[in-house]
PDB file of N, CA and C in Angstrom:
ATOM      1  N   MET A   1      -4.759 -11.048  -2.819  1.00  0.00           N
ATOM      2  CA  MET A   1      -4.770 -11.520  -1.468  1.00  0.00           C
ATOM      3  C   MET A   1      -5.994 -12.409  -1.241  1.00  0.00           C
ATOM      4  N   ALA A   2      -5.804 -13.474  -0.549  1.00  0.00           N
ATOM      5  CA  ALA A   2      -6.912 -14.352  -0.259  1.00  0.00           C
ATOM      6  C   ALA A   2      -6.770 -14.887   1.153  1.00  0.00           C
ATOM      7  N   ALA A   3      -7.880 -15.163   1.760  1.00  0.00           N
ATOM      8  CA  ALA A   3      -7.850 -15.713   3.121  1.00  0.00           C
ATOM      9  C   ALA A   3      -8.765 -16.914   3.174  1.00  0.00           C
ATOM     10  N   GLN A   4      -8.406 -17.869   4.016  1.00  0.00           N
ATOM     11  CA  GLN A   4      -9.261 -19.018   4.271  1.00  0.00           C
ATOM     12  C   GLN A   4      -9.912 -18.827   5.615  1.00  0.00           C
ATOM     13  N   GLY A   5     -11.148 -19.155   5.731  1.00  0.00           N
ATOM     14  CA  GLY A   5     -11.816 -19.059   7.010  1.00  0.00           C
ATOM     15  C   GLY A   5     -12.242 -17.643   7.403  1.00  0.00           C
ATOM     16  N   GLY A   6     -12.080 -16.673   6.521  1.00  0.00           N
ATOM     17  CA  GLY A   6     -12.560 -15.332   6.790  1.00  0.00           C
ATOM     18  C   GLY A   6     -11.735 -14.531   7.780  1.00  0.00           C
ATOM     19  N   GLY A   7     -10.487 -14.964   8.052  1.00  0.00           N
ATOM     20  CA  GLY A   7      -9.640 -14.232   8.990  1.00  0.00           C
ATOM     21  C   GLY A   7      -9.044 -12.979   8.388  1.00  0.00           C
ATOM     22  N   ARG A   8      -8.244 -12.297   9.175  1.00  0.00           N
ATOM     23  CA  ARG A   8      -7.589 -11.105   8.703  1.00  0.00           C
ATOM     24  C   ARG A   8      -6.627 -11.414   7.568  1.00  0.00           C
ATOM     25  N   VAL A   9      -6.399 -10.412   6.738  1.00  0.00           N
ATOM     26  CA  VAL A   9      -5.476 -10.523   5.623  1.00  0.00           C
ATOM     27  C   VAL A   9      -4.450  -9.415   5.740  1.00  0.00           C
ATOM     28  N   ALA A  10      -3.176  -9.741   5.534  1.00  0.00           N
ATOM     29  CA  ALA A  10      -2.122  -8.740   5.616  1.00  0.00           C
ATOM     30  C   ALA A  10      -1.194  -8.880   4.426  1.00  0.00           C
ATOM     31  N   ALA A  11      -0.552  -7.780   4.080  1.00  0.00           N
ATOM     32  CA  ALA A  11       0.438  -7.776   2.997  1.00  0.00           C
ATOM     33  C   ALA A  11       1.535  -6.804   3.365  1.00  0.00           C
ATOM     34  N   VAL A  12       2.753  -7.132   2.971  1.00  0.00           N
ATOM     35  CA  VAL A  12       3.905  -6.265   3.153  1.00  0.00           C
ATOM     36  C   VAL A  12       4.584  -6.123   1.808  1.00  0.00           C
ATOM     37  N   ALA A  13       4.879  -4.903   1.417  1.00  0.00           N
ATOM     38  CA  ALA A  13       5.577  -4.649   0.173  1.00  0.00           C
ATOM     39  C   ALA A  13       6.762  -3.738   0.462  1.00  0.00           C
ATOM     40  N   THR A  14       7.877  -4.007  -0.214  1.00  0.00           N
ATOM     41  CA  THR A  14       9.059  -3.188  -0.079  1.00  0.00           C
ATOM     42  C   THR A  14       9.375  -2.573  -1.431  1.00  0.00           C
ATOM     43  N   LEU A  15       9.587  -1.276  -1.437  1.00  0.00           N
ATOM     44  CA  LEU A  15       9.944  -0.563  -2.666  1.00  0.00           C
ATOM     45  C   LEU A  15      11.318   0.072  -2.488  1.00  0.00           C
ATOM     46  N   THR A  16      12.143  -0.078  -3.498  1.00  0.00           N
ATOM     47  CA  THR A  16      13.421   0.629  -3.516  1.00  0.00           C
ATOM     48  C   THR A  16      13.211   1.909  -4.308  1.00  0.00           C
ATOM     49  N   VAL A  17      13.418   3.029  -3.650  1.00  0.00           N
ATOM     50  CA  VAL A  17      13.218   4.329  -4.242  1.00  0.00           C
ATOM     51  C   VAL A  17      14.556   4.795  -4.819  1.00  0.00           C
ATOM     52  N   LYS A  18      14.504   5.367  -5.996  1.00  0.00           N
ATOM     53  CA  LYS A  18      15.714   5.850  -6.618  1.00  0.00           C
ATOM     54  C   LYS A  18      16.307   6.999  -5.792  1.00  0.00           C
ATOM     55  N   PRO A  19      17.630   7.078  -5.718  1.00  0.00           N
ATOM     56  CA  PRO A  19      18.273   8.113  -4.905  1.00  0.00           C
ATOM     57  C   PRO A  19      17.724   9.505  -5.196  1.00  0.00           C
ATOM     58  N   GLY A  20      17.430  10.233  -4.105  1.00  0.00           N
ATOM     59  CA  GLY A  20      16.910  11.589  -4.226  1.00  0.00           C
ATOM     60  C   GLY A  20      15.429  11.680  -4.503  1.00  0.00           C
ATOM     61  N   GLN A  21      14.714  10.563  -4.571  1.00  0.00           N
ATOM     62  CA  GLN A  21      13.290  10.563  -4.920  1.00  0.00           C
ATOM     63  C   GLN A  21      12.367  10.118  -3.784  1.00  0.00           C
ATOM     64  N   ARG A  22      12.907   9.945  -2.583  1.00  0.00           N
ATOM     65  CA  ARG A  22      12.065   9.454  -1.475  1.00  0.00           C
ATOM     66  C   ARG A  22      10.888  10.357  -1.198  1.00  0.00           C
ATOM     67  N   ASP A  23      11.115  11.659  -1.094  1.00  0.00           N
ATOM     68  CA  ASP A  23      10.006  12.573  -0.782  1.00  0.00           C
ATOM     69  C   ASP A  23       8.944  12.566  -1.874  1.00  0.00           C
ATOM     70  N   ALA A  24       9.367  12.483  -3.128  1.00  0.00           N
ATOM     71  CA  ALA A  24       8.408  12.415  -4.243  1.00  0.00           C
ATOM     72  C   ALA A  24       7.597  11.130  -4.197  1.00  0.00           C
ATOM     73  N   ALA A  25       8.249  10.026  -3.851  1.00  0.00           N
ATOM     74  CA  ALA A  25       7.549   8.747  -3.765  1.00  0.00           C
ATOM     75  C   ALA A  25       6.525   8.777  -2.621  1.00  0.00           C
ATOM     76  N   VAL A  26       6.913   9.321  -1.471  1.00  0.00           N
ATOM     77  CA  VAL A  26       5.994   9.430  -0.329  1.00  0.00           C
ATOM     78  C   VAL A  26       4.809  10.309  -0.718  1.00  0.00           C
ATOM     79  N   ALA A  27       5.062  11.403  -1.401  1.00  0.00           N
ATOM     80  CA  ALA A  27       3.975  12.285  -1.844  1.00  0.00           C
ATOM     81  C   ALA A  27       3.043  11.547  -2.804  1.00  0.00           C
ATOM     82  N   ALA A  28       3.597  10.713  -3.665  1.00  0.00           N
ATOM     83  CA  ALA A  28       2.770   9.966  -4.628  1.00  0.00           C
ATOM     84  C   ALA A  28       1.835   8.982  -3.932  1.00  0.00           C
ATOM     85  N   PHE A  29       2.207   8.518  -2.745  1.00  0.00           N
ATOM     86  CA  PHE A  29       1.377   7.571  -2.004  1.00  0.00           C
ATOM     87  C   PHE A  29       0.277   8.239  -1.193  1.00  0.00           C
ATOM     88  N   GLN A  30       0.315   9.553  -0.998  1.00  0.00           N
ATOM     89  CA  GLN A  30      -0.660  10.205  -0.122  1.00  0.00           C
ATOM     90  C   GLN A  30      -2.118   9.941  -0.519  1.00  0.00           C
ATOM     91  N   PRO A  31      -2.489  10.012  -1.811  1.00  0.00           N
ATOM     92  CA  PRO A  31      -3.886   9.707  -2.148  1.00  0.00           C
ATOM     93  C   PRO A  31      -4.311   8.302  -1.748  1.00  0.00           C
ATOM     94  N   PHE A  32      -3.397   7.345  -1.806  1.00  0.00           N
ATOM     95  CA  PHE A  32      -3.711   5.972  -1.435  1.00  0.00           C
ATOM     96  C   PHE A  32      -3.861   5.844   0.084  1.00  0.00           C
ATOM     97  N   LEU A  33      -3.030   6.567   0.845  1.00  0.00           N
ATOM     98  CA  LEU A  33      -3.149   6.560   2.297  1.00  0.00           C
ATOM     99  C   LEU A  33      -4.498   7.151   2.718  1.00  0.00           C
ATOM    100  N   GLU A  34      -4.883   8.267   2.099  1.00  0.00           N
ATOM    101  CA  GLU A  34      -6.183   8.892   2.438  1.00  0.00           C
ATOM    102  C   GLU A  34      -7.341   7.954   2.079  1.00  0.00           C
ATOM    103  N   ASN A  35      -7.264   7.285   0.946  1.00  0.00           N
ATOM    104  CA  ASN A  35      -8.292   6.348   0.532  1.00  0.00           C
ATOM    105  C   ASN A  35      -8.435   5.219   1.559  1.00  0.00           C
ATOM    106  N   ALA A  36      -7.316   4.639   1.959  1.00  0.00           N
ATOM    107  CA  ALA A  36      -7.331   3.532   2.920  1.00  0.00           C
ATOM    108  C   ALA A  36      -7.927   3.966   4.259  1.00  0.00           C
ATOM    109  N   ARG A  37      -7.668   5.173   4.654  1.00  0.00           N
ATOM    110  CA  ARG A  37      -8.187   5.692   5.933  1.00  0.00           C
ATOM    111  C   ARG A  37      -9.722   5.699   5.966  1.00  0.00           C
ATOM    112  N   ARG A  38     -10.357   5.835   4.823  1.00  0.00           N
ATOM    113  CA  ARG A  38     -11.819   5.904   4.751  1.00  0.00           C
ATOM    114  C   ARG A  38     -12.475   4.522   4.637  1.00  0.00           C
ATOM    115  N   GLU A  39     -11.714   3.482   4.457  1.00  0.00           N
ATOM    116  CA  GLU A  39     -12.288   2.146   4.262  1.00  0.00           C
ATOM    117  C   GLU A  39     -12.545   1.475   5.595  1.00  0.00           C
ATOM    118  N   ALA A  40     -13.765   1.027   5.801  1.00  0.00           N
ATOM    119  CA  ALA A  40     -14.158   0.416   7.062  1.00  0.00           C
ATOM    120  C   ALA A  40     -13.368  -0.856   7.374  1.00  0.00           C
ATOM    121  N   GLY A  41     -13.059  -1.668   6.383  1.00  0.00           N
ATOM    122  CA  GLY A  41     -12.379  -2.942   6.592  1.00  0.00           C
ATOM    123  C   GLY A  41     -10.877  -2.856   6.630  1.00  0.00           C
ATOM    124  N   THR A  42     -10.315  -1.667   6.412  1.00  0.00           N
ATOM    125  CA  THR A  42      -8.864  -1.512   6.465  1.00  0.00           C
ATOM    126  C   THR A  42      -8.474  -1.208   7.903  1.00  0.00           C
ATOM    127  N   GLU A  43      -7.753  -2.157   8.510  1.00  0.00           N
ATOM    128  CA  GLU A  43      -7.343  -1.976   9.908  1.00  0.00           C
ATOM    129  C   GLU A  43      -6.020  -1.214  10.012  1.00  0.00           C
ATOM    130  N   LEU A  44      -5.106  -1.458   9.102  1.00  0.00           N
ATOM    131  CA  LEU A  44      -3.822  -0.766   9.068  1.00  0.00           C
ATOM    132  C   LEU A  44      -3.396  -0.568   7.625  1.00  0.00           C
ATOM    133  N   TYR A  45      -2.850   0.585   7.329  1.00  0.00           N
ATOM    134  CA  TYR A  45      -2.263   0.849   6.023  1.00  0.00           C
ATOM    135  C   TYR A  45      -1.139   1.840   6.292  1.00  0.00           C
ATOM    136  N   LEU A  46       0.052   1.322   6.452  1.00  0.00           N
ATOM    137  CA  LEU A  46       1.171   2.122   6.922  1.00  0.00           C
ATOM    138  C   LEU A  46       2.275   2.190   5.891  1.00  0.00           C
ATOM    139  N   LEU A  47       2.832   3.367   5.720  1.00  0.00           N
ATOM    140  CA  LEU A  47       3.960   3.576   4.834  1.00  0.00           C
ATOM    141  C   LEU A  47       5.138   3.970   5.718  1.00  0.00           C
ATOM    142  N   HIS A  48       6.205   3.201   5.643  1.00  0.00           N
ATOM    143  CA  HIS A  48       7.413   3.456   6.431  1.00  0.00           C
ATOM    144  C   HIS A  48       8.572   3.784   5.508  1.00  0.00           C
ATOM    145  N   ALA A  49       9.389   4.727   5.902  1.00  0.00           N
ATOM    146  CA  ALA A  49      10.654   4.983   5.217  1.00  0.00           C
ATOM    147  C   ALA A  49      11.743   4.323   6.041  1.00  0.00           C
ATOM    148  N   LYS A  50      12.226   3.176   5.572  1.00  0.00           N
ATOM    149  CA  LYS A  50      13.258   2.446   6.289  1.00  0.00           C
ATOM    150  C   LYS A  50      14.566   3.213   6.261  1.00  0.00           C
ATOM    151  N   ASP A  51      14.868   3.796   5.105  1.00  0.00           N
ATOM    152  CA  ASP A  51      16.048   4.643   4.934  1.00  0.00           C
ATOM    153  C   ASP A  51      15.784   5.534   3.720  1.00  0.00           C
ATOM    154  N   ASP A  52      16.794   6.158   3.206  1.00  0.00           N
ATOM    155  CA  ASP A  52      16.578   7.128   2.114  1.00  0.00           C
ATOM    156  C   ASP A  52      16.120   6.473   0.808  1.00  0.00           C
ATOM    157  N   THR A  53      16.333   5.174   0.660  1.00  0.00           N
ATOM    158  CA  THR A  53      15.968   4.535  -0.604  1.00  0.00           C
ATOM    159  C   THR A  53      15.020   3.350  -0.442  1.00  0.00           C
ATOM    160  N   THR A  54      14.496   3.110   0.772  1.00  0.00           N
ATOM    161  CA  THR A  54      13.629   1.954   0.985  1.00  0.00           C
ATOM    162  C   THR A  54      12.335   2.369   1.659  1.00  0.00           C
ATOM    163  N   LEU A  55      11.206   2.078   1.008  1.00  0.00           N
ATOM    164  CA  LEU A  55       9.873   2.282   1.590  1.00  0.00           C
ATOM    165  C   LEU A  55       9.250   0.918   1.836  1.00  0.00           C
ATOM    166  N   VAL A  56       8.565   0.795   2.951  1.00  0.00           N
ATOM    167  CA  VAL A  56       7.878  -0.443   3.281  1.00  0.00           C
ATOM    168  C   VAL A  56       6.412  -0.101   3.522  1.00  0.00           C
ATOM    169  N   ILE A  57       5.532  -0.857   2.890  1.00  0.00           N
ATOM    170  CA  ILE A  57       4.089  -0.658   3.043  1.00  0.00           C
ATOM    171  C   ILE A  57       3.538  -1.907   3.745  1.00  0.00           C
ATOM    172  N   TYR A  58       2.841  -1.678   4.875  1.00  0.00           N
ATOM    173  CA  TYR A  58       2.194  -2.755   5.592  1.00  0.00           C
ATOM    174  C   TYR A  58       0.697  -2.512   5.549  1.00  0.00           C
ATOM    175  N   GLU A  59      -0.043  -3.523   5.119  1.00  0.00           N
ATOM    176  CA  GLU A  59      -1.508  -3.417   5.011  1.00  0.00           C
ATOM    177  C   GLU A  59      -2.131  -4.558   5.815  1.00  0.00           C
ATOM    178  N   GLN A  60      -3.202  -4.272   6.516  1.00  0.00           N
ATOM    179  CA  GLN A  60      -3.959  -5.306   7.210  1.00  0.00           C
ATOM    180  C   GLN A  60      -5.441  -5.003   7.078  1.00  0.00           C
ATOM    181  N   TYR A  61      -6.193  -6.042   6.726  1.00  0.00           N
ATOM    182  CA  TYR A  61      -7.629  -5.911   6.472  1.00  0.00           C
ATOM    183  C   TYR A  61      -8.377  -6.898   7.364  1.00  0.00           C
ATOM    184  N   ALA A  62      -9.613  -6.548   7.714  1.00  0.00           N
ATOM    185  CA  ALA A  62     -10.446  -7.380   8.584  1.00  0.00           C
ATOM    186  C   ALA A  62     -10.782  -8.724   7.973  1.00  0.00           C
ATOM    187  N   SER A  63     -10.798  -8.785   6.632  1.00  0.00           N
ATOM    188  CA  SER A  63     -11.186 -10.027   5.955  1.00  0.00           C
ATOM    189  C   SER A  63     -10.698  -9.980   4.516  1.00  0.00           C
ATOM    190  N   ALA A  64     -10.838 -11.121   3.839  1.00  0.00           N
ATOM    191  CA  ALA A  64     -10.505 -11.158   2.418  1.00  0.00           C
ATOM    192  C   ALA A  64     -11.418 -10.232   1.612  1.00  0.00           C
ATOM    193  N   ALA A  65     -12.675 -10.146   2.043  1.00  0.00           N
ATOM    194  CA  ALA A  65     -13.608  -9.247   1.349  1.00  0.00           C
ATOM    195  C   ALA A  65     -13.159  -7.794   1.492  1.00  0.00           C
ATOM    196  N   ALA A  66     -12.674  -7.417   2.682  1.00  0.00           N
ATOM    197  CA  ALA A  66     -12.201  -6.046   2.896  1.00  0.00           C
ATOM    198  C   ALA A  66     -10.951  -5.773   2.045  1.00  0.00           C
ATOM    199  N   ALA A  67     -10.073  -6.771   1.906  1.00  0.00           N
ATOM    200  CA  ALA A  67      -8.863  -6.617   1.064  1.00  0.00           C
ATOM    201  C   ALA A  67      -9.271  -6.438  -0.388  1.00  0.00           C
ATOM    202  N   ALA A  68     -10.267  -7.209  -0.822  1.00  0.00           N
ATOM    203  CA  ALA A  68     -10.745  -7.098  -2.197  1.00  0.00           C
ATOM    204  C   ALA A  68     -11.389  -5.734  -2.440  1.00  0.00           C
ATOM    205  N   GLU A  69     -12.131  -5.253  -1.464  1.00  0.00           N
ATOM    206  CA  GLU A  69     -12.739  -3.928  -1.582  1.00  0.00           C
ATOM    207  C   GLU A  69     -11.671  -2.850  -1.698  1.00  0.00           C
ATOM    208  N   HIS A  70     -10.618  -2.974  -0.882  1.00  0.00           N
ATOM    209  CA  HIS A  70      -9.503  -2.015  -0.959  1.00  0.00           C
ATOM    210  C   HIS A  70      -8.868  -2.033  -2.352  1.00  0.00           C
ATOM    211  N   ALA A  71      -8.638  -3.231  -2.870  1.00  0.00           N
ATOM    212  CA  ALA A  71      -8.035  -3.348  -4.201  1.00  0.00           C
ATOM    213  C   ALA A  71      -8.901  -2.658  -5.254  1.00  0.00           C
ATOM    214  N   GLN A  72     -10.206  -2.842  -5.145  1.00  0.00           N
ATOM    215  CA  GLN A  72     -11.138  -2.201  -6.078  1.00  0.00           C
ATOM    216  C   GLN A  72     -11.118  -0.686  -5.900  1.00  0.00           C
ATOM    217  N   ASN A  73     -11.130  -0.214  -4.661  1.00  0.00           N
ATOM    218  CA  ASN A  73     -11.115   1.226  -4.398  1.00  0.00           C
ATOM    219  C   ASN A  73      -9.817   1.873  -4.862  1.00  0.00           C
ATOM    220  N   THR A  74      -8.720   1.153  -4.752  1.00  0.00           N
ATOM    221  CA  THR A  74      -7.416   1.687  -5.155  1.00  0.00           C
ATOM    222  C   THR A  74      -7.413   2.070  -6.628  1.00  0.00           C
ATOM    223  N   ARG A  75      -8.136   1.308  -7.429  1.00  0.00           N
ATOM    224  CA  ARG A  75      -8.210   1.600  -8.867  1.00  0.00           C
ATOM    225  C   ARG A  75      -8.953   2.921  -9.130  1.00  0.00           C
ATOM    226  N   LYS A  76      -9.729   3.396  -8.152  1.00  0.00           N
ATOM    227  CA  LYS A  76     -10.517   4.612  -8.318  1.00  0.00           C
ATOM    228  C   LYS A  76      -9.823   5.867  -7.778  1.00  0.00           C
ATOM    229  N   VAL A  77      -8.670   5.675  -7.111  1.00  0.00           N
ATOM    230  CA  VAL A  77      -7.963   6.818  -6.530  1.00  0.00           C
ATOM    231  C   VAL A  77      -7.515   7.750  -7.640  1.00  0.00           C
ATOM    232  N   ARG A  78      -7.837   9.014  -7.465  1.00  0.00           N
ATOM    233  CA  ARG A  78      -7.457  10.032  -8.445  1.00  0.00           C
ATOM    234  C   ARG A  78      -6.015  10.475  -8.217  1.00  0.00           C
ATOM    235  N   PRO A  79      -5.177  10.314  -9.207  1.00  0.00           N
ATOM    236  CA  PRO A  79      -3.814  10.829  -9.054  1.00  0.00           C
ATOM    237  C   PRO A  79      -3.821  12.338  -9.140  1.00  0.00           C
ATOM    238  N   PRO A  80      -2.714  12.980  -8.747  1.00  0.00           N
ATOM    239  CA  PRO A  80      -2.634  14.437  -8.892  1.00  0.00           C
ATOM    240  C   PRO A  80      -2.754  14.839 -10.348  1.00  0.00           C
ATOM    241  N   PRO A  81      -3.053  16.092 -10.628  1.00  0.00           N
ATOM    242  CA  PRO A  81      -3.105  16.549 -12.012  1.00  0.00           C
ATOM    243  C   PRO A  81      -1.823  16.197 -12.750  1.00  0.00           C
ATOM    244  N   ARG A  82      -1.943  15.909 -14.040  1.00  0.00           N
ATOM    245  CA  ARG A  82      -0.810  15.440 -14.833  1.00  0.00           C
ATOM    246  C   ARG A  82       0.425  16.327 -14.694  1.00  0.00           C
ATOM    247  N   HIS A  83       0.250  17.615 -14.635  1.00  0.00           N
ATOM    248  CA  HIS A  83       1.396  18.500 -14.541  1.00  0.00           C
ATOM    249  C   HIS A  83       2.098  18.458 -13.190  1.00  0.00           C
ATOM    250  N   GLN A  84       1.471  17.816 -12.192  1.00  0.00           N
ATOM    251  CA  GLN A  84       2.062  17.732 -10.849  1.00  0.00           C
ATOM    252  C   GLN A  84       2.626  16.356 -10.523  1.00  0.00           C
ATOM    253  N   ARG A  85       2.588  15.413 -11.457  1.00  0.00           N
ATOM    254  CA  ARG A  85       3.023  14.068 -11.119  1.00  0.00           C
ATOM    255  C   ARG A  85       4.190  13.592 -11.947  1.00  0.00           C
ATOM    256  N   GLN A  86       4.907  12.675 -11.350  1.00  0.00           N
ATOM    257  CA  GLN A  86       5.963  11.953 -12.040  1.00  0.00           C
ATOM    258  C   GLN A  86       5.507  10.500 -12.110  1.00  0.00           C
ATOM    259  N   PRO A  87       5.799   9.803 -13.165  1.00  0.00           N
ATOM    260  CA  PRO A  87       5.439   8.386 -13.191  1.00  0.00           C
ATOM    261  C   PRO A  87       6.154   7.667 -12.041  1.00  0.00           C
ATOM    262  N   LEU A  88       5.412   6.846 -11.285  1.00  0.00           N
ATOM    263  CA  LEU A  88       5.983   6.162 -10.137  1.00  0.00           C
ATOM    264  C   LEU A  88       7.155   5.278 -10.553  1.00  0.00           C
ATOM    265  N   GLY A  89       7.115   4.765 -11.770  1.00  0.00           N
ATOM    266  CA  GLY A  89       8.219   3.939 -12.239  1.00  0.00           C
ATOM    267  C   GLY A  89       9.549   4.667 -12.220  1.00  0.00           C
ATOM    268  N   ARG A  90       9.519   5.988 -12.309  1.00  0.00           N
ATOM    269  CA  ARG A  90      10.736   6.783 -12.263  1.00  0.00           C
ATOM    270  C   ARG A  90      11.161   7.032 -10.838  1.00  0.00           C
ATOM    271  N   LEU A  91      10.269   6.807  -9.872  1.00  0.00           N
ATOM    272  CA  LEU A  91      10.566   7.059  -8.476  1.00  0.00           C
ATOM    273  C   LEU A  91      11.011   5.810  -7.725  1.00  0.00           C
ATOM    274  N   ALA A  92      10.416   4.676  -8.042  1.00  0.00           N
ATOM    275  CA  ALA A  92      10.669   3.478  -7.263  1.00  0.00           C
ATOM    276  C   ALA A  92      10.573   2.230  -8.135  1.00  0.00           C
ATOM    277  N   ASP A  93      11.339   1.241  -7.762  1.00  0.00           N
ATOM    278  CA  ASP A  93      11.296  -0.063  -8.420  1.00  0.00           C
ATOM    279  C   ASP A  93      10.852  -1.090  -7.382  1.00  0.00           C
ATOM    280  N   PRO A  94       9.764  -1.851  -7.649  1.00  0.00           N
ATOM    281  CA  PRO A  94       9.347  -2.886  -6.701  1.00  0.00           C
ATOM    282  C   PRO A  94      10.452  -3.928  -6.573  1.00  0.00           C
ATOM    283  N   VAL A  95      10.737  -4.342  -5.347  1.00  0.00           N
ATOM    284  CA  VAL A  95      11.777  -5.343  -5.133  1.00  0.00           C
ATOM    285  C   VAL A  95      11.258  -6.595  -4.463  1.00  0.00           C
ATOM    286  N   GLY A  96      10.005  -6.603  -4.011  1.00  0.00           N
ATOM    287  CA  GLY A  96       9.466  -7.819  -3.411  1.00  0.00           C
ATOM    288  C   GLY A  96       8.283  -7.524  -2.538  1.00  0.00           C
ATOM    289  N   GLY A  97       7.684  -8.561  -2.090  1.00  0.00           N
ATOM    290  CA  GLY A  97       6.546  -8.457  -1.190  1.00  0.00           C
ATOM    291  C   GLY A  97       5.949  -9.830  -0.973  1.00  0.00           C
ATOM    292  N   TRP A  98       5.052  -9.940  -0.057  1.00  0.00           N
ATOM    293  CA  TRP A  98       4.378 -11.188   0.186  1.00  0.00           C
ATOM    294  C   TRP A  98       3.049 -10.892   0.841  1.00  0.00           C
ATOM    295  N   ALA A  99       2.189 -11.862   0.822  1.00  0.00           N
ATOM    296  CA  ALA A  99       0.899 -11.747   1.507  1.00  0.00           C
ATOM    297  C   ALA A  99       0.661 -13.029   2.261  1.00  0.00           C
ATOM    298  N   CYS A 100       0.226 -12.913   3.497  1.00  0.00           N
ATOM    299  CA  CYS A 100      -0.106 -14.131   4.227  1.00  0.00           C
ATOM    300  C   CYS A 100      -1.614 -14.313   4.151  1.00  0.00           C
ATOM    301  N   ALA A 101      -2.044 -15.541   4.109  1.00  0.00           N
ATOM    302  CA  ALA A 101      -3.443 -15.840   3.883  1.00  0.00           C
ATOM    303  C   ALA A 101      -4.294 -15.503   5.091  1.00  0.00           C
ATOM    304  N   GLU A 102      -3.765 -15.659   6.285  1.00  0.00           N
ATOM    305  CA  GLU A 102      -4.605 -15.420   7.452  1.00  0.00           C
ATOM    306  C   GLU A 102      -3.712 -15.090   8.629  1.00  0.00           C
ATOM    307  N   ILE A 103      -4.131 -14.174   9.453  1.00  0.00           N
ATOM    308  CA  ILE A 103      -3.422 -13.844  10.676  1.00  0.00           C
ATOM    309  C   ILE A 103      -4.323 -14.226  11.829  1.00  0.00           C
ATOM    310  N   SER A 104      -3.815 -15.053  12.728  1.00  0.00           N
ATOM    311  CA  SER A 104      -4.630 -15.443  13.868  1.00  0.00           C
ATOM    312  C   SER A 104      -4.487 -14.422  14.975  1.00  0.00           C
ATOM    313  N   ASP A 105      -5.453 -14.358  15.848  1.00  0.00           N
ATOM    314  CA  ASP A 105      -5.426 -13.435  16.967  1.00  0.00           C
ATOM    315  C   ASP A 105      -4.541 -13.932  18.104  1.00  0.00           C
ATOM    316  N   SER A 106      -4.128 -15.182  18.018  1.00  0.00           N
ATOM    317  CA  SER A 106      -3.304 -15.748  19.116  1.00  0.00           C
ATOM    318  C   SER A 106      -1.837 -15.603  18.866  1.00  0.00           C
TER     319      SER A 106
END
């Protein structure tokens, strides 16, 4: 994600969750939601269940620097112990996403 002029940065990602795996996918995202909640520059980090097989993640950051900090912090998130996790690839397949460079206040 990059921004010009230091404005807000937002991203939206859509994941298609394999049938019967929505709850497991939501549980897998919990450490990332908790991490985002502690970041000063993260204005919004929302996980929506559109239906039983579609998750939508909306992220908004105060600046490009805050988005970069979030990306760095995400790499440090501790996953659950190995015996309690399923590989996310078995839960969901990415189907698309986009990032806008800047969101104006107007």
